[in-house]
Amino acid sequence: MRSFGAPSYLLRHARIEVRFIYTGFLLLVLIGMLTMAAFQLRQIGPTPARVATYYRGGDRAGEMAFPKTFRELVEVTHFHSFIMGIVYLVLAHLFIATGVGERAKQALILVGFAGLAGDLVSPWLIRYLAGGFAYLQILSWSCEWIGFGGFIYFPLREMWFSHEQEEFPPE
């Protein structure tokens, strides 16, 4: 961990055991992201109308959907803010340890955070203010996918496909 804190540390210099651990984590997060996508697309819906109906209630493909209750929204917000906050923290730190340019790093970190923040706030806005905030929900999902996709892709590329891999960090 001490070397990870050094400003010049790159994942390509990590020991093989460390790369295995990080890769395992990244693959588990990828599985989590894929199941999240399945839920977003199948259970909630890919269109603003279906997103709004999911949170506000109404007719969903011939089935009656009830509005999400205050308690349901609190439970989801509570769980997601803690869990996704931790995942974001770890992924962003791994991403920082890549050779990606500083501006791209800053942009992706902000896009990922904006997606998470929007994903936490959108259900409340949809449910209690207006169904039109479903567009914000879909935009937030897109930002999460872009941000977290980069957080997964670039560290994996750095660890396994960089031409400058070393067994141990440079002295």
N, C-alpha and C. Protein backbone atom coordinates (compact mmCIF):
# COMPACT_ATOMS: atom_id res chain seq x y z
N MET A 1 0.81 -1.19 0.00
CA MET A 1 0.00 0.00 0.00
C MET A 1 0.86 1.27 0.00
N ARG A 2 2.03 1.20 0.61
CA ARG A 2 2.89 2.38 0.67
C ARG A 2 3.26 2.84 -0.73
N SER A 3 3.60 1.89 -1.60
CA SER A 3 3.99 2.28 -2.96
C SER A 3 2.80 2.83 -3.74
N PHE A 4 1.59 2.37 -3.41
CA PHE A 4 0.39 2.86 -4.10
C PHE A 4 0.19 4.35 -3.84
N GLY A 5 0.63 4.82 -2.69
CA GLY A 5 0.49 6.23 -2.34
C GLY A 5 1.50 7.13 -3.03
N ALA A 6 2.52 6.57 -3.64
CA ALA A 6 3.52 7.39 -4.33
C ALA A 6 2.90 7.97 -5.60
N PRO A 7 3.15 9.26 -5.87
CA PRO A 7 2.55 9.91 -7.04
C PRO A 7 2.91 9.24 -8.37
N SER A 8 4.06 8.60 -8.44
CA SER A 8 4.50 8.01 -9.70
C SER A 8 4.12 6.53 -9.84
N TYR A 9 3.39 5.99 -8.86
CA TYR A 9 3.05 4.57 -8.90
C TYR A 9 2.08 4.29 -10.05
N LEU A 10 2.39 3.23 -10.79
CA LEU A 10 1.52 2.78 -11.87
C LEU A 10 1.22 1.30 -11.68
N LEU A 11 0.02 0.89 -12.04
CA LEU A 11 -0.38 -0.51 -11.88
C LEU A 11 0.51 -1.45 -12.68
N ARG A 12 1.07 -0.97 -13.76
CA ARG A 12 1.93 -1.84 -14.57
C ARG A 12 3.16 -2.29 -13.80
N HIS A 13 3.49 -1.58 -12.71
CA HIS A 13 4.65 -1.93 -11.90
C HIS A 13 4.28 -2.82 -10.71
N ALA A 14 3.01 -3.13 -10.57
CA ALA A 14 2.56 -3.93 -9.42
C ALA A 14 3.05 -5.36 -9.54
N ARG A 15 3.31 -5.97 -8.39
CA ARG A 15 3.69 -7.39 -8.38
C ARG A 15 2.53 -8.21 -8.94
N ILE A 16 2.84 -9.37 -9.42
CA ILE A 16 1.84 -10.22 -10.06
C ILE A 16 0.71 -10.58 -9.10
N GLU A 17 1.04 -10.82 -7.83
CA GLU A 17 0.01 -11.16 -6.85
C GLU A 17 -0.97 -10.00 -6.66
N VAL A 18 -0.44 -8.79 -6.66
CA VAL A 18 -1.29 -7.60 -6.52
C VAL A 18 -2.18 -7.45 -7.75
N ARG A 19 -1.62 -7.70 -8.91
CA ARG A 19 -2.42 -7.63 -10.14
C ARG A 19 -3.54 -8.65 -10.13
N PHE A 20 -3.27 -9.84 -9.61
CA PHE A 20 -4.33 -10.86 -9.49
C PHE A 20 -5.46 -10.37 -8.59
N ILE A 21 -5.10 -9.78 -7.46
CA ILE A 21 -6.12 -9.28 -6.53
C ILE A 21 -6.94 -8.18 -7.18
N TYR A 22 -6.28 -7.20 -7.78
CA TYR A 22 -7.00 -6.10 -8.42
C TYR A 22 -7.86 -6.59 -9.58
N THR A 23 -7.33 -7.53 -10.34
CA THR A 23 -8.10 -8.08 -11.46
C THR A 23 -9.34 -8.80 -10.95
N GLY A 24 -9.20 -9.58 -9.89
CA GLY A 24 -10.36 -10.25 -9.31
C GLY A 24 -11.41 -9.24 -8.88
N PHE A 25 -10.98 -8.17 -8.21
CA PHE A 25 -11.90 -7.13 -7.79
C PHE A 25 -12.59 -6.50 -8.99
N LEU A 26 -11.82 -6.16 -10.02
CA LEU A 26 -12.39 -5.52 -11.21
C LEU A 26 -13.38 -6.43 -11.92
N LEU A 27 -13.10 -7.73 -11.96
CA LEU A 27 -14.03 -8.66 -12.60
C LEU A 27 -15.31 -8.80 -11.79
N LEU A 28 -15.20 -8.80 -10.46
CA LEU A 28 -16.40 -8.84 -9.62
C LEU A 28 -17.23 -7.58 -9.80
N VAL A 29 -16.58 -6.43 -9.90
CA VAL A 29 -17.31 -5.19 -10.15
C VAL A 29 -17.98 -5.24 -11.52
N LEU A 30 -17.29 -5.80 -12.50
CA LEU A 30 -17.89 -5.93 -13.83
C LEU A 30 -19.15 -6.79 -13.77
N ILE A 31 -19.12 -7.87 -13.03
CA ILE A 31 -20.32 -8.70 -12.86
C ILE A 31 -21.43 -7.87 -12.20
N GLY A 32 -21.06 -7.11 -11.18
CA GLY A 32 -22.04 -6.24 -10.53
C GLY A 32 -22.62 -5.22 -11.50
N MET A 33 -21.79 -4.66 -12.36
CA MET A 33 -22.26 -3.69 -13.35
C MET A 33 -23.20 -4.35 -14.36
N LEU A 34 -22.88 -5.56 -14.78
CA LEU A 34 -23.74 -6.26 -15.73
C LEU A 34 -25.09 -6.60 -15.13
N THR A 35 -25.11 -7.01 -13.86
CA THR A 35 -26.39 -7.30 -13.22
C THR A 35 -27.17 -6.00 -12.99
N MET A 36 -26.45 -4.91 -12.72
CA MET A 36 -27.11 -3.61 -12.59
C MET A 36 -27.75 -3.22 -13.93
N ALA A 37 -27.06 -3.45 -15.01
CA ALA A 37 -27.61 -3.14 -16.33
C ALA A 37 -28.85 -3.98 -16.61
N ALA A 38 -28.79 -5.25 -16.26
CA ALA A 38 -29.96 -6.11 -16.46
C ALA A 38 -31.15 -5.58 -15.68
N PHE A 39 -30.92 -5.15 -14.44
CA PHE A 39 -32.00 -4.60 -13.64
C PHE A 39 -32.51 -3.30 -14.24
N GLN A 40 -31.59 -2.41 -14.62
CA GLN A 40 -31.99 -1.12 -15.18
C GLN A 40 -32.81 -1.30 -16.46
N LEU A 41 -32.36 -2.17 -17.32
CA LEU A 41 -33.02 -2.32 -18.61
C LEU A 41 -34.27 -3.19 -18.55
N ARG A 42 -34.23 -4.24 -17.77
CA ARG A 42 -35.34 -5.20 -17.74
C ARG A 42 -36.40 -4.82 -16.71
N GLN A 43 -35.96 -4.52 -15.50
CA GLN A 43 -36.91 -4.28 -14.41
C GLN A 43 -37.46 -2.86 -14.42
N ILE A 44 -36.57 -1.88 -14.60
CA ILE A 44 -37.01 -0.49 -14.60
C ILE A 44 -37.45 -0.09 -15.99
N GLY A 45 -36.57 -0.25 -16.96
CA GLY A 45 -36.91 0.06 -18.34
C GLY A 45 -35.95 1.05 -18.95
N PRO A 46 -35.74 0.94 -20.25
CA PRO A 46 -34.74 1.79 -20.92
C PRO A 46 -35.28 3.13 -21.40
N THR A 47 -36.58 3.38 -21.27
CA THR A 47 -37.15 4.62 -21.77
C THR A 47 -37.57 5.53 -20.61
N PRO A 48 -37.60 6.84 -20.84
CA PRO A 48 -38.04 7.75 -19.78
C PRO A 48 -39.45 7.42 -19.26
N ALA A 49 -40.33 7.03 -20.13
CA ALA A 49 -41.70 6.70 -19.70
C ALA A 49 -41.70 5.51 -18.75
N ARG A 50 -40.92 4.49 -19.06
CA ARG A 50 -40.87 3.31 -18.19
C ARG A 50 -40.17 3.63 -16.87
N VAL A 51 -39.13 4.45 -16.92
CA VAL A 51 -38.43 4.85 -15.70
C VAL A 51 -39.40 5.61 -14.80
N ALA A 52 -40.11 6.57 -15.36
CA ALA A 52 -41.06 7.36 -14.58
C ALA A 52 -42.15 6.48 -13.98
N THR A 53 -42.66 5.54 -14.74
CA THR A 53 -43.69 4.64 -14.24
C THR A 53 -43.16 3.75 -13.13
N TYR A 54 -41.93 3.33 -13.24
CA TYR A 54 -41.33 2.49 -12.20
C TYR A 54 -41.36 3.20 -10.84
N TYR A 55 -41.02 4.48 -10.84
CA TYR A 55 -40.96 5.22 -9.58
C TYR A 55 -42.30 5.86 -9.18
N ARG A 56 -43.09 6.29 -10.16
CA ARG A 56 -44.33 7.01 -9.85
C ARG A 56 -45.57 6.12 -9.86
N GLY A 57 -45.42 4.92 -10.40
CA GLY A 57 -46.55 4.01 -10.49
C GLY A 57 -47.32 4.23 -11.78
N GLY A 58 -48.18 3.27 -12.10
CA GLY A 58 -48.98 3.35 -13.32
C GLY A 58 -49.02 2.00 -14.00
N ASP A 59 -49.45 2.00 -15.25
CA ASP A 59 -49.56 0.77 -16.02
C ASP A 59 -48.23 0.49 -16.72
N ARG A 60 -47.66 -0.69 -16.43
CA ARG A 60 -46.40 -1.10 -17.05
C ARG A 60 -46.65 -2.39 -17.83
N ALA A 61 -46.83 -2.26 -19.12
CA ALA A 61 -47.01 -3.42 -20.01
C ALA A 61 -48.14 -4.32 -19.49
N GLY A 62 -49.28 -3.70 -19.16
CA GLY A 62 -50.43 -4.49 -18.73
C GLY A 62 -50.44 -4.84 -17.25
N GLU A 63 -49.41 -4.48 -16.53
CA GLU A 63 -49.35 -4.74 -15.09
C GLU A 63 -49.39 -3.42 -14.34
N MET A 64 -50.09 -3.42 -13.23
CA MET A 64 -50.16 -2.22 -12.40
C MET A 64 -48.90 -2.11 -11.55
N ALA A 65 -48.22 -0.98 -11.65
CA ALA A 65 -47.04 -0.71 -10.82
C ALA A 65 -47.42 0.34 -9.79
N PHE A 66 -47.04 0.10 -8.56
CA PHE A 66 -47.35 1.04 -7.49
C PHE A 66 -46.19 2.02 -7.32
N PRO A 67 -46.51 3.25 -6.90
CA PRO A 67 -45.43 4.22 -6.68
C PRO A 67 -44.47 3.72 -5.59
N LYS A 68 -43.21 4.05 -5.77
CA LYS A 68 -42.23 3.69 -4.74
C LYS A 68 -42.54 4.50 -3.49
N THR A 69 -42.48 3.85 -2.36
CA THR A 69 -42.76 4.52 -1.10
C THR A 69 -41.53 5.26 -0.61
N PHE A 70 -41.75 6.17 0.31
CA PHE A 70 -40.66 6.89 0.94
C PHE A 70 -39.66 5.90 1.53
N ARG A 71 -40.17 4.90 2.21
CA ARG A 71 -39.30 3.89 2.84
C ARG A 71 -38.47 3.15 1.80
N GLU A 72 -39.07 2.75 0.69
CA GLU A 72 -38.33 2.04 -0.36
C GLU A 72 -37.20 2.92 -0.91
N LEU A 73 -37.49 4.18 -1.14
CA LEU A 73 -36.46 5.08 -1.65
C LEU A 73 -35.35 5.30 -0.63
N VAL A 74 -35.70 5.42 0.65
CA VAL A 74 -34.68 5.58 1.68
C VAL A 74 -33.78 4.35 1.74
N GLU A 75 -34.37 3.16 1.69
CA GLU A 75 -33.58 1.92 1.76
C GLU A 75 -32.61 1.82 0.59
N VAL A 76 -33.10 2.08 -0.61
CA VAL A 76 -32.24 2.00 -1.79
C VAL A 76 -31.15 3.07 -1.74
N THR A 77 -31.52 4.28 -1.37
CA THR A 77 -30.54 5.36 -1.29
C THR A 77 -29.48 5.06 -0.25
N HIS A 78 -29.91 4.60 0.90
CA HIS A 78 -28.97 4.27 1.99
C HIS A 78 -27.97 3.20 1.54
N PHE A 79 -28.48 2.11 1.01
CA PHE A 79 -27.62 1.01 0.58
C PHE A 79 -26.67 1.46 -0.53
N HIS A 80 -27.23 2.11 -1.56
CA HIS A 80 -26.41 2.48 -2.70
C HIS A 80 -25.38 3.56 -2.36
N SER A 81 -25.73 4.49 -1.50
CA SER A 81 -24.76 5.55 -1.20
C SER A 81 -23.53 4.98 -0.50
N PHE A 82 -23.72 4.01 0.40
CA PHE A 82 -22.57 3.41 1.07
C PHE A 82 -21.80 2.48 0.14
N ILE A 83 -22.49 1.53 -0.45
CA ILE A 83 -21.82 0.51 -1.26
C ILE A 83 -21.18 1.12 -2.51
N MET A 84 -21.96 1.90 -3.25
CA MET A 84 -21.41 2.47 -4.48
C MET A 84 -20.34 3.51 -4.16
N GLY A 85 -20.44 4.17 -3.02
CA GLY A 85 -19.39 5.10 -2.61
C GLY A 85 -18.07 4.39 -2.41
N ILE A 86 -18.12 3.23 -1.77
CA ILE A 86 -16.90 2.45 -1.54
C ILE A 86 -16.35 1.91 -2.86
N VAL A 87 -17.23 1.40 -3.71
CA VAL A 87 -16.79 0.89 -5.01
C VAL A 87 -16.17 2.02 -5.83
N TYR A 88 -16.82 3.18 -5.83
CA TYR A 88 -16.29 4.34 -6.55
C TYR A 88 -14.90 4.71 -6.03
N LEU A 89 -14.74 4.75 -4.71
CA LEU A 89 -13.45 5.10 -4.10
C LEU A 89 -12.34 4.16 -4.56
N VAL A 90 -12.60 2.86 -4.49
CA VAL A 90 -11.58 1.88 -4.86
C VAL A 90 -11.29 1.94 -6.36
N LEU A 91 -12.35 1.97 -7.17
CA LEU A 91 -12.15 2.01 -8.62
C LEU A 91 -11.40 3.27 -9.05
N ALA A 92 -11.77 4.40 -8.48
CA ALA A 92 -11.11 5.65 -8.86
C ALA A 92 -9.63 5.63 -8.47
N HIS A 93 -9.31 5.05 -7.32
CA HIS A 93 -7.90 4.94 -6.93
C HIS A 93 -7.12 4.03 -7.86
N LEU A 94 -7.71 2.93 -8.26
CA LEU A 94 -7.04 2.06 -9.23
C LEU A 94 -6.85 2.78 -10.55
N PHE A 95 -7.85 3.50 -10.97
CA PHE A 95 -7.80 4.25 -12.22
C PHE A 95 -6.70 5.32 -12.18
N ILE A 96 -6.55 5.99 -11.04
CA ILE A 96 -5.51 7.02 -10.90
C ILE A 96 -4.12 6.43 -11.11
N ALA A 97 -3.96 5.15 -10.79
CA ALA A 97 -2.65 4.50 -10.92
C ALA A 97 -2.41 3.95 -12.32
N THR A 98 -3.03 4.57 -13.32
CA THR A 98 -2.80 4.17 -14.71
C THR A 98 -2.06 5.31 -15.42
N GLY A 99 -1.60 5.02 -16.60
CA GLY A 99 -0.88 6.01 -17.40
C GLY A 99 -1.78 6.92 -18.21
N VAL A 100 -3.07 6.91 -17.96
CA VAL A 100 -4.01 7.79 -18.66
C VAL A 100 -3.66 9.24 -18.32
N GLY A 101 -3.82 10.14 -19.27
CA GLY A 101 -3.50 11.55 -19.06
C GLY A 101 -4.32 12.19 -17.94
N GLU A 102 -3.75 13.22 -17.33
CA GLU A 102 -4.38 13.86 -16.17
C GLU A 102 -5.76 14.42 -16.48
N ARG A 103 -5.92 15.08 -17.60
CA ARG A 103 -7.24 15.65 -17.95
C ARG A 103 -8.28 14.55 -18.14
N ALA A 104 -7.90 13.47 -18.79
CA ALA A 104 -8.83 12.35 -18.97
C ALA A 104 -9.18 11.73 -17.62
N LYS A 105 -8.18 11.63 -16.74
CA LYS A 105 -8.45 11.10 -15.40
C LYS A 105 -9.46 11.97 -14.67
N GLN A 106 -9.22 13.27 -14.68
CA GLN A 106 -10.11 14.18 -13.98
C GLN A 106 -11.53 14.12 -14.56
N ALA A 107 -11.62 14.09 -15.88
CA ALA A 107 -12.93 14.05 -16.53
C ALA A 107 -13.68 12.77 -16.18
N LEU A 108 -13.01 11.63 -16.26
CA LEU A 108 -13.67 10.36 -15.98
C LEU A 108 -14.08 10.26 -14.51
N ILE A 109 -13.24 10.76 -13.62
CA ILE A 109 -13.58 10.74 -12.19
C ILE A 109 -14.82 11.59 -11.94
N LEU A 110 -14.90 12.75 -12.58
CA LEU A 110 -16.07 13.61 -12.41
C LEU A 110 -17.31 13.03 -13.06
N VAL A 111 -17.16 12.43 -14.23
CA VAL A 111 -18.30 11.80 -14.90
C VAL A 111 -18.84 10.65 -14.05
N GLY A 112 -17.95 9.82 -13.53
CA GLY A 112 -18.39 8.71 -12.67
C GLY A 112 -19.11 9.19 -11.43
N PHE A 113 -18.57 10.24 -10.79
CA PHE A 113 -19.23 10.78 -9.59
C PHE A 113 -20.57 11.41 -9.94
N ALA A 114 -20.62 12.17 -11.02
CA ALA A 114 -21.88 12.79 -11.43
C ALA A 114 -22.94 11.73 -11.71
N GLY A 115 -22.52 10.63 -12.34
CA GLY A 115 -23.46 9.54 -12.59
C GLY A 115 -24.00 8.95 -11.30
N LEU A 116 -23.11 8.72 -10.34
CA LEU A 116 -23.55 8.19 -9.05
C LEU A 116 -24.47 9.15 -8.33
N ALA A 117 -24.09 10.42 -8.27
CA ALA A 117 -24.92 11.42 -7.58
C ALA A 117 -26.29 11.52 -8.24
N GLY A 118 -26.31 11.56 -9.56
CA GLY A 118 -27.59 11.63 -10.27
C GLY A 118 -28.43 10.40 -10.06
N ASP A 119 -27.78 9.24 -9.98
CA ASP A 119 -28.50 7.98 -9.76
C ASP A 119 -29.13 7.94 -8.37
N LEU A 120 -28.51 8.59 -7.40
CA LEU A 120 -29.06 8.64 -6.05
C LEU A 120 -30.21 9.64 -5.94
N VAL A 121 -30.10 10.77 -6.63
CA VAL A 121 -31.08 11.84 -6.52
C VAL A 121 -32.28 11.65 -7.45
N SER A 122 -32.05 11.11 -8.64
CA SER A 122 -33.11 11.01 -9.65
C SER A 122 -34.37 10.31 -9.18
N PRO A 123 -34.27 9.16 -8.51
CA PRO A 123 -35.52 8.51 -8.08
C PRO A 123 -36.40 9.41 -7.20
N TRP A 124 -35.77 10.19 -6.34
CA TRP A 124 -36.52 11.11 -5.48
C TRP A 124 -37.19 12.20 -6.31
N LEU A 125 -36.45 12.75 -7.27
CA LEU A 125 -37.00 13.80 -8.12
C LEU A 125 -38.14 13.26 -8.99
N ILE A 126 -37.96 12.07 -9.52
CA ILE A 126 -39.00 11.46 -10.35
C ILE A 126 -40.25 11.21 -9.51
N ARG A 127 -40.06 10.61 -8.37
CA ARG A 127 -41.20 10.22 -7.53
C ARG A 127 -41.96 11.41 -6.98
N TYR A 128 -41.24 12.41 -6.49
CA TYR A 128 -41.91 13.49 -5.76
C TYR A 128 -42.03 14.82 -6.50
N LEU A 129 -41.30 15.01 -7.61
CA LEU A 129 -41.43 16.27 -8.34
C LEU A 129 -42.07 16.08 -9.71
N ALA A 130 -41.40 15.33 -10.60
CA ALA A 130 -41.95 15.18 -11.96
C ALA A 130 -41.33 13.98 -12.66
N GLY A 131 -42.14 13.34 -13.47
CA GLY A 131 -41.67 12.19 -14.25
C GLY A 131 -40.60 12.56 -15.25
N GLY A 132 -40.52 13.83 -15.63
CA GLY A 132 -39.51 14.28 -16.58
C GLY A 132 -38.08 14.10 -16.09
N PHE A 133 -37.91 13.95 -14.78
CA PHE A 133 -36.57 13.70 -14.25
C PHE A 133 -36.06 12.31 -14.63
N ALA A 134 -36.91 11.52 -15.29
CA ALA A 134 -36.46 10.22 -15.79
C ALA A 134 -35.32 10.40 -16.80
N TYR A 135 -35.31 11.52 -17.51
CA TYR A 135 -34.21 11.80 -18.42
C TYR A 135 -32.90 11.95 -17.65
N LEU A 136 -32.98 12.58 -16.49
CA LEU A 136 -31.79 12.70 -15.64
C LEU A 136 -31.33 11.33 -15.16
N GLN A 137 -32.29 10.45 -14.85
CA GLN A 137 -31.94 9.10 -14.41
C GLN A 137 -31.19 8.35 -15.52
N ILE A 138 -31.68 8.44 -16.71
CA ILE A 138 -31.03 7.74 -17.84
C ILE A 138 -29.65 8.36 -18.13
N LEU A 139 -29.55 9.68 -18.05
CA LEU A 139 -28.25 10.35 -18.23
C LEU A 139 -27.29 9.91 -17.13
N SER A 140 -27.79 9.79 -15.91
CA SER A 140 -26.95 9.36 -14.79
C SER A 140 -26.45 7.94 -15.01
N TRP A 141 -27.32 7.07 -15.45
CA TRP A 141 -26.89 5.69 -15.75
C TRP A 141 -25.80 5.71 -16.81
N SER A 142 -25.97 6.52 -17.84
CA SER A 142 -24.97 6.60 -18.91
C SER A 142 -23.63 7.08 -18.35
N CYS A 143 -23.67 8.09 -17.49
CA CYS A 143 -22.43 8.59 -16.88
C CYS A 143 -21.78 7.53 -16.01
N GLU A 144 -22.59 6.79 -15.26
CA GLU A 144 -22.04 5.69 -14.45
C GLU A 144 -21.36 4.67 -15.34
N TRP A 145 -22.01 4.31 -16.43
CA TRP A 145 -21.44 3.31 -17.33
C TRP A 145 -20.14 3.80 -17.96
N ILE A 146 -20.12 5.05 -18.36
CA ILE A 146 -18.89 5.59 -18.95
C ILE A 146 -17.79 5.64 -17.90
N GLY A 147 -18.09 6.22 -16.75
CA GLY A 147 -17.09 6.36 -15.69
C GLY A 147 -16.59 5.02 -15.18
N PHE A 148 -17.51 4.17 -14.76
CA PHE A 148 -17.11 2.89 -14.18
C PHE A 148 -16.52 1.96 -15.25
N GLY A 149 -17.01 2.08 -16.48
CA GLY A 149 -16.42 1.29 -17.57
C GLY A 149 -14.95 1.63 -17.75
N GLY A 150 -14.65 2.94 -17.72
CA GLY A 150 -13.25 3.37 -17.81
C GLY A 150 -12.44 2.95 -16.59
N PHE A 151 -13.08 3.02 -15.41
CA PHE A 151 -12.40 2.61 -14.18
C PHE A 151 -12.02 1.13 -14.21
N ILE A 152 -12.77 0.34 -14.94
CA ILE A 152 -12.47 -1.09 -15.06
C ILE A 152 -11.50 -1.35 -16.22
N TYR A 153 -11.78 -0.75 -17.37
CA TYR A 153 -10.99 -1.00 -18.58
C TYR A 153 -9.53 -0.57 -18.43
N PHE A 154 -9.31 0.68 -18.03
CA PHE A 154 -7.94 1.20 -18.02
C PHE A 154 -7.02 0.49 -17.03
N PRO A 155 -7.46 0.19 -15.81
CA PRO A 155 -6.56 -0.59 -14.94
C PRO A 155 -6.26 -1.99 -15.48
N LEU A 156 -7.26 -2.66 -16.06
CA LEU A 156 -6.99 -3.99 -16.63
C LEU A 156 -5.99 -3.88 -17.78
N ARG A 157 -6.18 -2.88 -18.62
CA ARG A 157 -5.24 -2.67 -19.73
C ARG A 157 -3.85 -2.37 -19.20
N GLU A 158 -3.77 -1.54 -18.19
CA GLU A 158 -2.48 -1.15 -17.61
C GLU A 158 -1.74 -2.36 -17.02
N MET A 159 -2.49 -3.21 -16.31
CA MET A 159 -1.86 -4.34 -15.62
C MET A 159 -1.44 -5.46 -16.55
N TRP A 160 -2.24 -5.72 -17.58
CA TRP A 160 -2.02 -6.92 -18.37
C TRP A 160 -1.57 -6.67 -19.81
N PHE A 161 -1.76 -5.49 -20.33
CA PHE A 161 -1.45 -5.25 -21.73
C PHE A 161 -0.48 -4.11 -21.96
N SER A 162 0.10 -3.60 -20.88
CA SER A 162 1.10 -2.55 -21.00
C SER A 162 2.42 -3.17 -21.44
N HIS A 163 3.14 -2.49 -22.28
CA HIS A 163 4.42 -3.02 -22.77
C HIS A 163 5.55 -2.81 -21.77
N GLU A 164 5.29 -2.05 -20.72
CA GLU A 164 6.33 -1.74 -19.75
C GLU A 164 6.12 -2.47 -18.43
N GLN A 165 5.51 -3.63 -18.43
CA GLN A 165 5.26 -4.33 -17.18
C GLN A 165 6.57 -4.77 -16.55
N GLU A 166 6.58 -4.70 -15.24
CA GLU A 166 7.73 -5.14 -14.47
C GLU A 166 7.22 -6.01 -13.35
N GLU A 167 8.02 -6.91 -12.89
CA GLU A 167 7.64 -7.79 -11.79
C GLU A 167 7.54 -7.03 -10.47
N PHE A 168 8.45 -6.05 -10.26
CA PHE A 168 8.47 -5.29 -9.03
C PHE A 168 8.56 -3.81 -9.37
N PRO A 169 8.12 -2.94 -8.44
CA PRO A 169 8.22 -1.50 -8.72
C PRO A 169 9.67 -1.08 -8.89
N PRO A 170 9.91 -0.05 -9.67
CA PRO A 170 11.29 0.43 -9.85
C PRO A 170 11.82 0.99 -8.54
N GLU A 171 13.12 0.88 -8.34
CA GLU A 171 13.77 1.36 -7.09
C GLU A 171 13.90 2.86 -7.14
